[in-house]
Amino acid sequence: MAGIRNKSLLPTRRAALTLIGAGALATGAIASALAATDNDEVLTESKVLRDPDVPVAGNPDGNISIIEWSDYNCPYCRKLEPELRQVVQDDGKVRLVMKDWPILGPVSVTAARIALAAKYQDKYHPAHDAMMGVSSRLTESRIDELLAAAGVDMNRLKRDLTDHGKDIDAVLKRNNEQAEAFGFRGTPSFIVGKYRVPGVLSINDFERIIADARKAKMN
């Protein structure tokens, strides 16, 4: 877990899972994950699950949602990416909500802004995959190389960064506020159905948590 505050949070599955109380993500308004904080305006279903400006992968009509907060310079996010995508593909009924949360420095912010700008030319997913698919730390020049190779129109990208900059920054602000309200301390972090899952998990772990989340949804 590429935590910025506490590297000791690498969880076991049992320790990591926290059932979100009363509200239940999948069944209506989202309850506050932090009892001592009033997050009603931050953790609403529409903002967390259905933000139209946040990209979605997997089955958009799936019966369970995984919400991922990630950073393009996070080595754990990169390691987990192919396994998570495999789980989503194999299951076929998972909706993957992709929250860019750039917490590892200025280049992370640049990468997240560029990925969201690529969305305006329907290239978010190629941009995301290109930046997650490298093993070395990103630089701004390397980002440009990767996106150009992924088929992103770089001239249009620059225009969209200018024309939609405020909207992009607003998305990142919402993503950050939600992550903090859920009490996440680093990337990657997840909500799976009703469960808050901070940390890196295996394919088998994800499969079990998805199954648990489906059962919890029915209760």
Protein backbone atom coordinates (compact mmCIF):
# COMPACT_ATOMS: atom_id res chain seq x y z
CA MET A 1 0.00 0.00 0.00
CA ALA A 2 1.54 3.24 -1.08
CA GLY A 3 0.32 5.04 2.00
CA ILE A 4 1.35 8.60 2.59
CA ARG A 5 0.68 8.48 6.31
CA ASN A 6 1.04 4.97 7.65
CA LYS A 7 2.85 2.13 5.92
CA SER A 8 1.82 -0.28 8.67
CA LEU A 9 -1.68 -0.49 7.22
CA LEU A 10 -0.92 -3.43 4.95
CA PRO A 11 -3.94 -5.47 6.00
CA THR A 12 -4.91 -9.04 6.30
CA ARG A 13 -8.27 -9.62 4.66
CA ARG A 14 -10.04 -9.99 7.99
CA ALA A 15 -8.47 -6.88 9.48
CA ALA A 16 -9.02 -4.78 6.37
CA LEU A 17 -12.71 -5.35 5.84
CA THR A 18 -14.92 -2.79 7.52
CA LEU A 19 -18.65 -3.03 7.00
CA ILE A 20 -20.06 0.40 6.28
CA GLY A 21 -22.86 0.93 8.75
CA ALA A 22 -26.55 1.68 8.30
CA GLY A 23 -26.37 3.35 4.88
CA ALA A 24 -25.14 0.52 2.65
CA LEU A 25 -23.62 1.75 -0.59
CA ALA A 26 -25.74 -0.42 -2.81
CA THR A 27 -29.10 0.31 -1.25
CA GLY A 28 -29.46 4.06 -1.19
CA ALA A 29 -27.85 7.00 0.55
CA ILE A 30 -24.34 6.20 1.74
CA ALA A 31 -23.83 6.32 5.46
CA SER A 32 -20.85 8.13 6.89
CA ALA A 33 -17.89 5.82 7.29
CA LEU A 34 -16.62 7.94 10.15
CA ALA A 35 -19.07 8.14 13.01
CA ALA A 36 -17.51 11.27 14.45
CA THR A 37 -17.68 13.24 11.19
CA ASP A 38 -20.65 14.58 9.29
CA ASN A 39 -19.97 13.50 5.70
CA ASP A 40 -23.52 13.62 4.38
CA GLU A 41 -22.60 15.99 1.56
CA VAL A 42 -19.44 14.09 0.62
CA LEU A 43 -20.53 10.45 0.79
CA THR A 44 -23.74 10.52 -1.20
CA GLU A 45 -24.62 7.68 -3.54
CA SER A 46 -24.63 9.98 -6.55
CA LYS A 47 -21.17 11.38 -5.81
CA VAL A 48 -19.47 8.14 -4.83
CA LEU A 49 -21.16 5.61 -7.10
CA ARG A 50 -22.66 7.63 -9.93
CA ASP A 51 -20.41 10.60 -10.55
CA PRO A 52 -20.82 11.09 -14.34
CA ASP A 53 -17.31 12.55 -14.60
CA VAL A 54 -15.63 9.48 -13.10
CA PRO A 55 -14.75 6.66 -15.53
CA VAL A 56 -16.27 3.20 -15.16
CA ALA A 57 -14.97 -0.17 -16.35
CA GLY A 58 -16.40 -3.67 -16.23
CA ASN A 59 -20.16 -4.10 -16.47
CA PRO A 60 -21.87 -0.68 -16.15
CA ASP A 61 -25.05 -2.50 -15.09
CA GLY A 62 -23.33 -4.89 -12.69
CA ASN A 63 -25.00 -5.96 -9.47
CA ILE A 64 -22.01 -5.06 -7.29
CA SER A 65 -19.68 -2.07 -7.42
CA ILE A 66 -15.97 -1.88 -6.71
CA ILE A 67 -14.74 1.67 -6.25
CA GLU A 68 -10.98 2.06 -6.53
CA TRP A 69 -8.90 5.06 -5.43
CA SER A 70 -5.49 4.88 -7.13
CA ASP A 71 -2.38 6.85 -8.04
CA TYR A 72 -0.43 6.32 -11.29
CA ASN A 73 2.90 6.41 -9.44
CA CYS A 74 1.76 3.85 -6.86
CA PRO A 75 3.68 0.57 -7.40
CA TYR A 76 1.05 -1.39 -5.51
CA CYS A 77 -1.70 -0.02 -7.78
CA ARG A 78 0.29 -1.12 -10.82
CA LYS A 79 0.91 -4.57 -9.38
CA LEU A 80 -2.76 -5.03 -8.55
CA GLU A 81 -4.18 -3.65 -11.81
CA PRO A 82 -4.04 -6.79 -14.01
CA GLU A 83 -5.37 -8.99 -11.22
CA LEU A 84 -8.25 -6.64 -10.46
CA ARG A 85 -9.17 -6.40 -14.14
CA GLN A 86 -9.07 -10.20 -14.41
CA VAL A 87 -11.47 -10.55 -11.48
CA VAL A 88 -13.84 -7.98 -12.99
CA GLN A 89 -13.74 -9.70 -16.38
CA ASP A 90 -14.18 -13.21 -15.00
CA ASP A 91 -17.08 -12.20 -12.77
CA GLY A 92 -18.95 -10.33 -15.49
CA LYS A 93 -21.29 -8.54 -13.08
CA VAL A 94 -18.94 -6.09 -11.40
CA ARG A 95 -19.03 -2.34 -12.04
CA LEU A 96 -15.56 -0.87 -11.48
CA VAL A 97 -15.56 2.84 -10.59
CA MET A 98 -12.12 4.37 -11.13
CA LYS A 99 -11.28 7.26 -8.79
CA ASP A 100 -8.03 9.04 -9.57
CA TRP A 101 -6.44 10.03 -6.23
CA PRO A 102 -3.03 11.62 -6.89
CA ILE A 103 -1.36 11.70 -3.49
CA LEU A 104 2.25 10.88 -4.36
CA GLY A 105 3.47 14.22 -5.64
CA PRO A 106 3.10 16.74 -8.45
CA VAL A 107 3.70 14.24 -11.27
CA SER A 108 0.86 12.10 -9.89
CA VAL A 109 -1.41 15.13 -10.11
CA THR A 110 -0.29 15.76 -13.69
CA ALA A 111 -0.93 12.14 -14.63
CA ALA A 112 -4.42 12.14 -13.10
CA ARG A 113 -5.36 15.43 -14.78
CA ILE A 114 -4.11 14.15 -18.15
CA ALA A 115 -6.00 10.86 -17.82
CA LEU A 116 -9.23 12.72 -17.06
CA ALA A 117 -8.59 15.12 -19.93
CA ALA A 118 -8.19 12.12 -22.25
CA LYS A 119 -11.74 11.14 -21.30
CA TYR A 120 -13.02 14.01 -23.48
CA GLN A 121 -11.73 12.15 -26.55
CA ASP A 122 -12.86 8.75 -25.20
CA LYS A 123 -9.29 7.77 -24.42
CA TYR A 124 -9.33 7.59 -20.63
CA HIS A 125 -8.93 3.83 -20.53
CA PRO A 126 -6.01 3.67 -23.00
CA ALA A 127 -4.34 6.51 -21.09
CA HIS A 128 -4.96 4.81 -17.75
CA ASP A 129 -3.67 1.45 -18.97
CA ALA A 130 -0.57 3.01 -20.52
CA MET A 131 0.43 4.77 -17.31
CA MET A 132 -0.40 1.81 -15.08
CA GLY A 133 1.48 -0.55 -17.35
CA VAL A 134 4.98 0.80 -16.68
CA SER A 135 7.34 -0.33 -13.95
CA SER A 136 9.32 2.87 -13.45
CA ARG A 137 8.29 6.10 -11.81
CA LEU A 138 6.51 8.46 -14.19
CA THR A 139 7.85 11.78 -15.37
CA GLU A 140 5.94 14.38 -17.38
CA SER A 141 7.94 13.61 -20.54
CA ARG A 142 7.36 9.87 -20.08
CA ILE A 143 3.62 10.47 -19.66
CA ASP A 144 3.52 12.29 -22.99
CA GLU A 145 5.37 9.44 -24.69
CA LEU A 146 3.08 6.80 -23.23
CA LEU A 147 -0.14 8.58 -24.16
CA ALA A 148 0.98 9.39 -27.68
CA ALA A 149 1.87 5.72 -28.16
CA ALA A 150 -1.58 4.77 -26.82
CA GLY A 151 -3.27 6.78 -29.56
CA VAL A 152 -4.19 9.90 -27.60
CA ASP A 153 -4.42 13.07 -29.69
CA MET A 154 -1.92 15.18 -27.77
CA ASN A 155 -2.95 18.48 -29.35
CA ARG A 156 -6.55 17.91 -28.38
CA LEU A 157 -5.42 16.76 -24.94
CA LYS A 158 -3.72 20.10 -24.34
CA ARG A 159 -6.86 21.96 -25.43
CA ASP A 160 -9.06 19.85 -23.18
CA LEU A 161 -6.73 20.42 -20.23
CA THR A 162 -7.20 24.14 -20.74
CA ASP A 163 -10.89 24.14 -21.59
CA HIS A 164 -11.94 21.63 -18.90
CA GLY A 165 -9.29 22.24 -16.26
CA LYS A 166 -11.70 23.46 -13.61
CA ASP A 167 -14.01 20.47 -14.13
CA ILE A 168 -11.07 18.06 -13.93
CA ASP A 169 -9.80 19.64 -10.73
CA ALA A 170 -13.31 19.45 -9.27
CA VAL A 171 -13.38 15.67 -9.93
CA LEU A 172 -10.04 15.22 -8.18
CA LYS A 173 -11.26 17.31 -5.27
CA ARG A 174 -14.38 15.14 -4.90
CA ASN A 175 -12.31 11.97 -5.10
CA ASN A 176 -9.96 13.25 -2.39
CA GLU A 177 -12.76 14.36 -0.09
CA GLN A 178 -14.43 10.96 -0.37
CA ALA A 179 -11.20 9.06 0.28
CA GLU A 180 -10.52 11.15 3.37
CA ALA A 181 -14.09 10.77 4.59
CA PHE A 182 -13.80 6.99 4.30
CA GLY A 183 -10.61 7.17 6.34
CA PHE A 184 -8.27 5.88 3.64
CA ARG A 185 -4.57 6.46 4.31
CA GLY A 186 -3.02 5.56 0.94
CA THR A 187 -3.42 3.87 -2.41
CA PRO A 188 -4.87 1.58 -3.52
CA SER A 189 -8.06 1.71 -1.46
CA PHE A 190 -11.44 0.25 -2.26
CA ILE A 191 -15.10 0.09 -1.49
CA VAL A 192 -16.53 -3.31 -2.44
CA GLY A 193 -20.29 -3.30 -2.04
CA LYS A 194 -20.75 -2.38 1.61
CA TYR A 195 -17.13 -3.04 2.57
CA ARG A 196 -14.27 -0.60 2.97
CA VAL A 197 -11.03 -2.30 1.91
CA PRO A 198 -7.76 -0.37 2.34
CA GLY A 199 -4.84 -2.20 0.79
CA VAL A 200 -3.55 -4.69 -1.74
CA LEU A 201 -5.41 -7.96 -2.18
CA SER A 202 -5.00 -11.11 -4.25
CA ILE A 203 -7.40 -12.41 -6.89
CA ASN A 204 -8.77 -14.93 -4.40
CA ASP A 205 -9.24 -12.23 -1.78
CA PHE A 206 -11.19 -10.08 -4.22
CA GLU A 207 -13.35 -12.99 -5.28
CA ARG A 208 -14.22 -13.76 -1.66
CA ILE A 209 -14.91 -10.11 -0.82
CA ILE A 210 -17.19 -9.76 -3.85
CA ALA A 211 -19.07 -12.87 -2.73
CA ASP A 212 -19.31 -11.45 0.81
CA ALA A 213 -20.53 -8.13 -0.57
CA ARG A 214 -23.27 -9.80 -2.57
CA LYS A 215 -24.43 -11.68 0.50
CA ALA A 216 -24.38 -8.49 2.59
CA LYS A 217 -26.39 -6.71 -0.08
CA MET A 218 -29.19 -9.22 0.36
CA ASN A 219 -29.34 -8.78 4.16
